[in-house]
Amino acid sequence: YLTQSLIIFLATEAERARVRGAFGMYLSPALVEQLASDPEQLKLGGEMKDISIMFCDVRGFTSISELYDPEGLTQLINKFLTPMTQVIMDRMGTIDKYMGDCIMAFWNAPIDDEKHASNAVEAARRMILTMERVNQELKDSGKSQFDLKIGVGLGTGYCVVGNMGSDQRFDYTVLGDIVNLSSRLEGQTKTYGMTAVLSSYTVDELGEDEKEIGKNILEIDKIKVKGKKDPEIIFGLAS
């Protein structure tokens, strides 16, 4: 009995260690422990799920990169990515990947989050405010004499989420039309002079108890998005 109990215990701990290792660099510690205590929440393969997706990019990064050597540019981008990542994880977001100066993140997977849309919007709002502090710190340290500006695109909808890739390498990520839309909304921030642009689906999913967030959301236009038949109503988020 003792031997069998020990085997079960070691197998359970090994499973928890595997989960911690897999998600320790993507989720907040609290969410990692929640997954580790119940690994059944982590499904292999893909599943359809309602997801809120964020793309966050630095404006004019190509021009900025020409002003720094490789070491200085690395320090600058890390100074930006670290606090932005912390804001996302504090609001229950999952970091999907970094693409140079761009962050891709999503909500409602692998941990269920009934308020994923409002958490994503609140993360965007806090990121805008956090950039003010980051820019001041960069100036105080002499690492930058100008303000970094960001653009944020937020979309919500059903897509496939799970482990995707090849037999040699795979990532826990999302796939679907809403991912492409969210990326394009981030690009629209330059067109409309807004720091954050949201899809109508994201705004629609804000519950009654998130009306305080909704006060800072304004409808700005109806646009035709490439690859989509119907026009998309878009909203801007004021900090």
C-alpha atoms as a PDB file:
ATOM      1  CA  TYR A   1       0.000   0.000   0.000  1.00  0.00           C
ATOM      2  CA  LEU A   2       2.790   2.429   0.931  1.00  0.00           C
ATOM      3  CA  THR A   3       4.705   1.588  -2.237  1.00  0.00           C
ATOM      4  CA  GLN A   4       1.624   2.122  -4.397  1.00  0.00           C
ATOM      5  CA  SER A   5       0.836   5.404  -2.639  1.00  0.00           C
ATOM      6  CA  LEU A   6       4.390   6.595  -3.223  1.00  0.00           C
ATOM      7  CA  ILE A   7       4.213   5.714  -6.916  1.00  0.00           C
ATOM      8  CA  ILE A   8       0.927   7.629  -7.290  1.00  0.00           C
ATOM      9  CA  PHE A   9       2.359  10.609  -5.420  1.00  0.00           C
ATOM     10  CA  LEU A  10       5.496  10.714  -7.571  1.00  0.00           C
ATOM     11  CA  ALA A  11       3.460  10.403 -10.759  1.00  0.00           C
ATOM     12  CA  THR A  12       1.196  13.265  -9.631  1.00  0.00           C
ATOM     13  CA  GLU A  13       4.142  15.477  -8.753  1.00  0.00           C
ATOM     14  CA  ALA A  14       5.783  14.687 -12.088  1.00  0.00           C
ATOM     15  CA  GLU A  15       2.598  15.726 -13.890  1.00  0.00           C
ATOM     16  CA  ARG A  16       2.437  18.967 -11.915  1.00  0.00           C
ATOM     17  CA  ALA A  17       6.099  19.674 -12.649  1.00  0.00           C
ATOM     18  CA  ARG A  18       5.422  19.126 -16.357  1.00  0.00           C
ATOM     19  CA  VAL A  19       2.558  21.611 -16.296  1.00  0.00           C
ATOM     20  CA  ARG A  20       4.618  24.162 -14.353  1.00  0.00           C
ATOM     21  CA  GLY A  21       7.450  23.807 -16.836  1.00  0.00           C
ATOM     22  CA  ALA A  22       5.168  24.118 -19.848  1.00  0.00           C
ATOM     23  CA  PHE A  23       3.315  27.225 -18.715  1.00  0.00           C
ATOM     24  CA  GLY A  24       5.665  28.880 -16.225  1.00  0.00           C
ATOM     25  CA  MET A  25       6.892  31.342 -18.872  1.00  0.00           C
ATOM     26  CA  TYR A  26       3.431  32.101 -20.281  1.00  0.00           C
ATOM     27  CA  LEU A  27       1.092  32.520 -17.301  1.00  0.00           C
ATOM     28  CA  SER A  28       1.102  34.210 -13.924  1.00  0.00           C
ATOM     29  CA  PRO A  29       2.255  32.011 -10.993  1.00  0.00           C
ATOM     30  CA  ALA A  30      -1.301  31.792  -9.633  1.00  0.00           C
ATOM     31  CA  LEU A  31      -2.644  30.431 -12.921  1.00  0.00           C
ATOM     32  CA  VAL A  32       0.258  27.992 -13.238  1.00  0.00           C
ATOM     33  CA  GLU A  33      -0.494  26.567  -9.790  1.00  0.00           C
ATOM     34  CA  GLN A  34      -4.190  26.304 -10.682  1.00  0.00           C
ATOM     35  CA  LEU A  35      -3.277  24.266 -13.756  1.00  0.00           C
ATOM     36  CA  ALA A  36      -0.791  22.158 -11.801  1.00  0.00           C
ATOM     37  CA  SER A  37      -3.419  21.261  -9.201  1.00  0.00           C
ATOM     38  CA  ASP A  38      -5.854  20.196 -11.937  1.00  0.00           C
ATOM     39  CA  PRO A  39      -3.941  19.129 -15.096  1.00  0.00           C
ATOM     40  CA  GLU A  40      -7.201  17.962 -16.679  1.00  0.00           C
ATOM     41  CA  GLN A  41      -7.835  21.619 -17.524  1.00  0.00           C
ATOM     42  CA  LEU A  42      -4.957  21.335 -19.981  1.00  0.00           C
ATOM     43  CA  LYS A  43      -6.227  19.544 -23.075  1.00  0.00           C
ATOM     44  CA  LEU A  44      -3.841  18.293 -25.724  1.00  0.00           C
ATOM     45  CA  GLY A  45      -4.657  19.166 -29.301  1.00  0.00           C
ATOM     46  CA  GLY A  46      -7.088  21.923 -30.230  1.00  0.00           C
ATOM     47  CA  GLU A  47     -10.561  23.005 -29.156  1.00  0.00           C
ATOM     48  CA  MET A  48     -12.983  25.742 -30.233  1.00  0.00           C
ATOM     49  CA  LYS A  49     -13.263  28.455 -27.631  1.00  0.00           C
ATOM     50  CA  ASP A  50     -14.392  32.056 -27.255  1.00  0.00           C
ATOM     51  CA  ILE A  51     -11.116  33.966 -26.951  1.00  0.00           C
ATOM     52  CA  SER A  52     -10.069  37.606 -26.571  1.00  0.00           C
ATOM     53  CA  ILE A  53      -6.858  38.333 -28.451  1.00  0.00           C
ATOM     54  CA  MET A  54      -4.429  41.252 -28.173  1.00  0.00           C
ATOM     55  CA  PHE A  55      -1.657  42.535 -30.407  1.00  0.00           C
ATOM     56  CA  CYS A  56       0.540  45.282 -28.972  1.00  0.00           C
ATOM     57  CA  ASP A  57       3.226  46.960 -31.067  1.00  0.00           C
ATOM     58  CA  VAL A  58       5.679  49.863 -30.697  1.00  0.00           C
ATOM     59  CA  ARG A  59       5.005  52.689 -33.141  1.00  0.00           C
ATOM     60  CA  GLY A  60       7.850  53.541 -35.517  1.00  0.00           C
ATOM     61  CA  PHE A  61      10.133  50.831 -34.178  1.00  0.00           C
ATOM     62  CA  THR A  62      12.139  50.548 -37.404  1.00  0.00           C
ATOM     63  CA  SER A  63      13.235  54.174 -37.149  1.00  0.00           C
ATOM     64  CA  ILE A  64      13.932  53.787 -33.424  1.00  0.00           C
ATOM     65  CA  SER A  65      16.112  50.700 -33.954  1.00  0.00           C
ATOM     66  CA  GLU A  66      18.467  52.684 -36.201  1.00  0.00           C
ATOM     67  CA  LEU A  67      19.399  54.888 -33.239  1.00  0.00           C
ATOM     68  CA  TYR A  68      20.771  52.039 -31.082  1.00  0.00           C
ATOM     69  CA  ASP A  69      23.471  49.415 -31.237  1.00  0.00           C
ATOM     70  CA  PRO A  70      22.321  45.784 -30.733  1.00  0.00           C
ATOM     71  CA  GLU A  71      22.982  45.839 -26.973  1.00  0.00           C
ATOM     72  CA  GLY A  72      21.211  49.148 -26.462  1.00  0.00           C
ATOM     73  CA  LEU A  73      18.239  48.064 -28.558  1.00  0.00           C
ATOM     74  CA  THR A  74      17.936  44.844 -26.561  1.00  0.00           C
ATOM     75  CA  GLN A  75      17.905  46.786 -23.292  1.00  0.00           C
ATOM     76  CA  LEU A  76      15.291  49.173 -24.663  1.00  0.00           C
ATOM     77  CA  ILE A  77      12.930  46.450 -25.885  1.00  0.00           C
ATOM     78  CA  ASN A  78      13.280  44.470 -22.643  1.00  0.00           C
ATOM     79  CA  LYS A  79      12.455  47.623 -20.695  1.00  0.00           C
ATOM     80  CA  PHE A  80       9.242  47.788 -22.726  1.00  0.00           C
ATOM     81  CA  LEU A  81       8.301  44.109 -22.818  1.00  0.00           C
ATOM     82  CA  THR A  82       8.754  43.384 -19.098  1.00  0.00           C
ATOM     83  CA  PRO A  83       6.125  45.764 -17.656  1.00  0.00           C
ATOM     84  CA  MET A  84       3.708  45.154 -20.549  1.00  0.00           C
ATOM     85  CA  THR A  85       3.937  41.411 -19.952  1.00  0.00           C
ATOM     86  CA  GLN A  86       3.331  41.868 -16.236  1.00  0.00           C
ATOM     87  CA  VAL A  87       0.169  43.880 -16.890  1.00  0.00           C
ATOM     88  CA  ILE A  88      -1.172  41.155 -19.192  1.00  0.00           C
ATOM     89  CA  MET A  89      -0.420  38.371 -16.726  1.00  0.00           C
ATOM     90  CA  ASP A  90      -1.897  40.349 -13.821  1.00  0.00           C
ATOM     91  CA  ARG A  91      -5.195  40.419 -15.768  1.00  0.00           C
ATOM     92  CA  MET A  92      -5.168  36.619 -16.354  1.00  0.00           C
ATOM     93  CA  GLY A  93      -3.777  36.840 -19.874  1.00  0.00           C
ATOM     94  CA  THR A  94      -1.600  34.230 -21.603  1.00  0.00           C
ATOM     95  CA  ILE A  95       1.472  35.385 -23.518  1.00  0.00           C
ATOM     96  CA  ASP A  96       1.408  33.696 -26.914  1.00  0.00           C
ATOM     97  CA  LYS A  97       4.644  35.033 -28.387  1.00  0.00           C
ATOM     98  CA  TYR A  98       6.968  37.988 -28.834  1.00  0.00           C
ATOM     99  CA  MET A  99       7.629  39.133 -32.396  1.00  0.00           C
ATOM    100  CA  GLY A 100      10.388  41.690 -32.088  1.00  0.00           C
ATOM    101  CA  ASP A 101       8.662  44.703 -30.543  1.00  0.00           C
ATOM    102  CA  CYS A 102       5.204  43.090 -30.787  1.00  0.00           C
ATOM    103  CA  ILE A 103       3.370  41.115 -28.079  1.00  0.00           C
ATOM    104  CA  MET A 104       0.601  38.649 -28.879  1.00  0.00           C
ATOM    105  CA  ALA A 105      -1.557  37.552 -25.947  1.00  0.00           C
ATOM    106  CA  PHE A 106      -4.966  35.984 -25.364  1.00  0.00           C
ATOM    107  CA  TRP A 107      -7.530  35.410 -22.633  1.00  0.00           C
ATOM    108  CA  ASN A 108      -9.838  32.512 -21.628  1.00  0.00           C
ATOM    109  CA  ALA A 109      -7.292  29.745 -22.262  1.00  0.00           C
ATOM    110  CA  PRO A 110      -5.937  27.516 -20.876  1.00  0.00           C
ATOM    111  CA  ILE A 111      -7.776  28.766 -17.760  1.00  0.00           C
ATOM    112  CA  ASP A 112     -11.471  29.605 -18.206  1.00  0.00           C
ATOM    113  CA  ASP A 113     -12.185  33.296 -17.670  1.00  0.00           C
ATOM    114  CA  GLU A 114     -15.800  34.432 -17.870  1.00  0.00           C
ATOM    115  CA  LYS A 115     -14.663  38.060 -17.976  1.00  0.00           C
ATOM    116  CA  HIS A 116     -11.966  37.586 -20.606  1.00  0.00           C
ATOM    117  CA  ALA A 117     -13.152  40.518 -22.724  1.00  0.00           C
ATOM    118  CA  SER A 118     -13.178  42.975 -19.820  1.00  0.00           C
ATOM    119  CA  ASN A 119      -9.829  41.661 -18.548  1.00  0.00           C
ATOM    120  CA  ALA A 120      -8.322  42.204 -21.994  1.00  0.00           C
ATOM    121  CA  VAL A 121      -9.728  45.728 -22.235  1.00  0.00           C
ATOM    122  CA  GLU A 122      -8.580  46.589 -18.722  1.00  0.00           C
ATOM    123  CA  ALA A 123      -5.117  45.226 -19.553  1.00  0.00           C
ATOM    124  CA  ALA A 124      -4.992  47.504 -22.601  1.00  0.00           C
ATOM    125  CA  ARG A 125      -5.995  50.498 -20.473  1.00  0.00           C
ATOM    126  CA  ARG A 126      -3.342  49.721 -17.867  1.00  0.00           C
ATOM    127  CA  MET A 127      -0.718  49.215 -20.553  1.00  0.00           C
ATOM    128  CA  ILE A 128      -1.406  52.713 -21.868  1.00  0.00           C
ATOM    129  CA  LEU A 129      -0.970  54.145 -18.383  1.00  0.00           C
ATOM    130  CA  THR A 130       2.109  52.020 -17.698  1.00  0.00           C
ATOM    131  CA  MET A 131       3.824  53.383 -20.822  1.00  0.00           C
ATOM    132  CA  GLU A 132       3.869  56.832 -19.196  1.00  0.00           C
ATOM    133  CA  ARG A 133       5.934  55.423 -16.325  1.00  0.00           C
ATOM    134  CA  VAL A 134       8.163  53.409 -18.656  1.00  0.00           C
ATOM    135  CA  ASN A 135       8.932  56.464 -20.787  1.00  0.00           C
ATOM    136  CA  GLN A 136       9.806  58.506 -17.718  1.00  0.00           C
ATOM    137  CA  GLU A 137      12.133  55.767 -16.448  1.00  0.00           C
ATOM    138  CA  LEU A 138      13.842  55.531 -19.840  1.00  0.00           C
ATOM    139  CA  LYS A 139      14.449  59.281 -19.860  1.00  0.00           C
ATOM    140  CA  ASP A 140      15.700  59.314 -16.270  1.00  0.00           C
ATOM    141  CA  SER A 141      18.164  56.509 -17.037  1.00  0.00           C
ATOM    142  CA  GLY A 142      19.379  58.215 -20.210  1.00  0.00           C
ATOM    143  CA  LYS A 143      18.344  55.267 -22.401  1.00  0.00           C
ATOM    144  CA  SER A 144      15.855  57.301 -24.422  1.00  0.00           C
ATOM    145  CA  GLN A 145      15.166  60.959 -25.094  1.00  0.00           C
ATOM    146  CA  PHE A 146      11.775  60.409 -26.706  1.00  0.00           C
ATOM    147  CA  ASP A 147       8.535  58.695 -25.761  1.00  0.00           C
ATOM    148  CA  LEU A 148       7.781  55.190 -26.975  1.00  0.00           C
ATOM    149  CA  LYS A 149       4.229  54.949 -28.298  1.00  0.00           C
ATOM    150  CA  ILE A 150       2.225  51.760 -28.605  1.00  0.00           C
ATOM    151  CA  GLY A 151      -0.696  50.522 -30.673  1.00  0.00           C
ATOM    152  CA  VAL A 152      -3.066  47.870 -29.307  1.00  0.00           C
ATOM    153  CA  GLY A 153      -5.592  45.792 -31.256  1.00  0.00           C
ATOM    154  CA  LEU A 154      -8.232  43.740 -29.414  1.00  0.00           C
ATOM    155  CA  GLY A 155     -10.631  41.209 -30.900  1.00  0.00           C
ATOM    156  CA  THR A 156     -12.975  38.594 -29.432  1.00  0.00           C
ATOM    157  CA  GLY A 157     -14.488  35.522 -31.053  1.00  0.00           C
ATOM    158  CA  TYR A 158     -14.336  31.764 -31.506  1.00  0.00           C
ATOM    159  CA  CYS A 159     -11.091  30.190 -32.675  1.00  0.00           C
ATOM    160  CA  VAL A 160      -9.039  27.044 -32.211  1.00  0.00           C
ATOM    161  CA  VAL A 161      -6.740  27.030 -29.188  1.00  0.00           C
ATOM    162  CA  GLY A 162      -4.300  24.291 -28.214  1.00  0.00           C
ATOM    163  CA  ASN A 163      -0.931  22.716 -28.932  1.00  0.00           C
ATOM    164  CA  MET A 164      -0.106  23.324 -32.594  1.00  0.00           C
ATOM    165  CA  GLY A 165       2.992  22.859 -34.706  1.00  0.00           C
ATOM    166  CA  SER A 166       4.989  19.817 -35.769  1.00  0.00           C
ATOM    167  CA  ASP A 167       6.150  16.572 -34.203  1.00  0.00           C
ATOM    168  CA  GLN A 168       9.513  18.247 -33.524  1.00  0.00           C
ATOM    169  CA  ARG A 169       8.208  21.467 -31.992  1.00  0.00           C
ATOM    170  CA  PHE A 170       4.836  22.891 -31.019  1.00  0.00           C
ATOM    171  CA  ASP A 171       3.404  25.875 -29.196  1.00  0.00           C
ATOM    172  CA  TYR A 172       0.255  26.518 -27.201  1.00  0.00           C
ATOM    173  CA  THR A 173      -1.412  29.088 -29.428  1.00  0.00           C
ATOM    174  CA  VAL A 174      -4.616  30.220 -31.174  1.00  0.00           C
ATOM    175  CA  LEU A 175      -5.705  29.964 -34.789  1.00  0.00           C
ATOM    176  CA  GLY A 176      -8.642  31.546 -36.577  1.00  0.00           C
ATOM    177  CA  ASP A 177     -10.162  34.543 -38.312  1.00  0.00           C
ATOM    178  CA  ILE A 178     -10.362  36.589 -35.118  1.00  0.00           C
ATOM    179  CA  VAL A 179      -6.563  36.377 -34.772  1.00  0.00           C
ATOM    180  CA  ASN A 180      -6.130  38.028 -38.174  1.00  0.00           C
ATOM    181  CA  LEU A 181      -8.759  40.646 -37.326  1.00  0.00           C
ATOM    182  CA  SER A 182      -7.056  41.534 -34.046  1.00  0.00           C
ATOM    183  CA  SER A 183      -3.749  42.007 -35.839  1.00  0.00           C
ATOM    184  CA  ARG A 184      -5.366  44.274 -38.422  1.00  0.00           C
ATOM    185  CA  LEU A 185      -7.071  46.313 -35.692  1.00  0.00           C
ATOM    186  CA  GLU A 186      -3.666  46.998 -34.188  1.00  0.00           C
ATOM    187  CA  GLY A 187      -2.629  48.423 -37.561  1.00  0.00           C
ATOM    188  CA  GLN A 188      -5.711  50.669 -37.586  1.00  0.00           C
ATOM    189  CA  THR A 189      -4.488  52.547 -34.498  1.00  0.00           C
ATOM    190  CA  LYS A 190      -2.212  54.560 -36.800  1.00  0.00           C
ATOM    191  CA  THR A 191      -5.075  55.396 -39.177  1.00  0.00           C
ATOM    192  CA  TYR A 192      -7.383  56.753 -36.468  1.00  0.00           C
ATOM    193  CA  GLY A 193      -4.784  58.168 -34.078  1.00  0.00           C
ATOM    194  CA  MET A 194      -5.979  55.894 -31.258  1.00  0.00           C
ATOM    195  CA  THR A 195      -3.728  53.935 -28.918  1.00  0.00           C
ATOM    196  CA  ALA A 196      -6.150  50.991 -28.766  1.00  0.00           C
ATOM    197  CA  VAL A 197      -8.773  49.808 -31.275  1.00  0.00           C
ATOM    198  CA  LEU A 198     -11.378  47.197 -30.271  1.00  0.00           C
ATOM    199  CA  SER A 199     -13.698  44.967 -32.266  1.00  0.00           C
ATOM    200  CA  SER A 200     -17.454  45.186 -31.758  1.00  0.00           C
ATOM    201  CA  TYR A 201     -17.450  41.603 -30.428  1.00  0.00           C
ATOM    202  CA  THR A 202     -15.087  42.603 -27.618  1.00  0.00           C
ATOM    203  CA  VAL A 203     -17.303  45.524 -26.638  1.00  0.00           C
ATOM    204  CA  ASP A 204     -20.449  43.369 -26.848  1.00  0.00           C
ATOM    205  CA  GLU A 205     -19.024  40.896 -24.322  1.00  0.00           C
ATOM    206  CA  LEU A 206     -18.454  43.510 -21.635  1.00  0.00           C
ATOM    207  CA  GLY A 207     -20.917  42.643 -18.859  1.00  0.00           C
ATOM    208  CA  GLU A 208     -23.106  44.977 -16.855  1.00  0.00           C
ATOM    209  CA  ASP A 209     -20.528  45.131 -14.062  1.00  0.00           C
ATOM    210  CA  GLU A 210     -17.889  46.362 -16.520  1.00  0.00           C
ATOM    211  CA  LYS A 211     -19.731  49.537 -17.490  1.00  0.00           C
ATOM    212  CA  GLU A 212     -17.047  51.641 -15.828  1.00  0.00           C
ATOM    213  CA  ILE A 213     -14.608  50.362 -18.452  1.00  0.00           C
ATOM    214  CA  GLY A 214     -17.189  50.992 -21.159  1.00  0.00           C
ATOM    215  CA  LYS A 215     -17.328  54.701 -20.352  1.00  0.00           C
ATOM    216  CA  ASN A 216     -13.930  55.089 -21.998  1.00  0.00           C
ATOM    217  CA  ILE A 217     -14.924  53.232 -25.175  1.00  0.00           C
ATOM    218  CA  LEU A 218     -16.081  55.222 -28.203  1.00  0.00           C
ATOM    219  CA  GLU A 219     -17.379  54.012 -31.560  1.00  0.00           C
ATOM    220  CA  ILE A 220     -15.092  55.471 -34.206  1.00  0.00           C
ATOM    221  CA  ASP A 221     -15.960  53.920 -37.577  1.00  0.00           C
ATOM    222  CA  LYS A 222     -17.265  51.052 -39.684  1.00  0.00           C
ATOM    223  CA  ILE A 223     -14.539  49.610 -41.887  1.00  0.00           C
ATOM    224  CA  LYS A 224     -14.160  46.926 -44.535  1.00  0.00           C
ATOM    225  CA  VAL A 225     -11.503  44.480 -43.389  1.00  0.00           C
ATOM    226  CA  LYS A 226      -9.592  42.527 -46.008  1.00  0.00           C
ATOM    227  CA  GLY A 227     -10.834  38.957 -46.208  1.00  0.00           C
ATOM    228  CA  LYS A 228     -14.160  39.671 -44.468  1.00  0.00           C
ATOM    229  CA  LYS A 229     -17.489  40.055 -46.277  1.00  0.00           C
ATOM    230  CA  ASP A 230     -19.283  42.290 -43.783  1.00  0.00           C
ATOM    231  CA  PRO A 231     -17.946  45.641 -42.543  1.00  0.00           C
ATOM    232  CA  GLU A 232     -16.582  45.751 -38.989  1.00  0.00           C
ATOM    233  CA  ILE A 233     -17.647  48.360 -36.435  1.00  0.00           C
ATOM    234  CA  ILE A 234     -14.576  49.424 -34.483  1.00  0.00           C
ATOM    235  CA  PHE A 235     -14.175  51.223 -31.187  1.00  0.00           C
ATOM    236  CA  GLY A 236     -11.400  53.286 -29.630  1.00  0.00           C
ATOM    237  CA  LEU A 237     -10.271  53.050 -26.005  1.00  0.00           C
ATOM    238  CA  ALA A 238      -9.395  56.253 -24.187  1.00  0.00           C
ATOM    239  CA  SER A 239      -7.017  55.935 -21.217  1.00  0.00           C
END
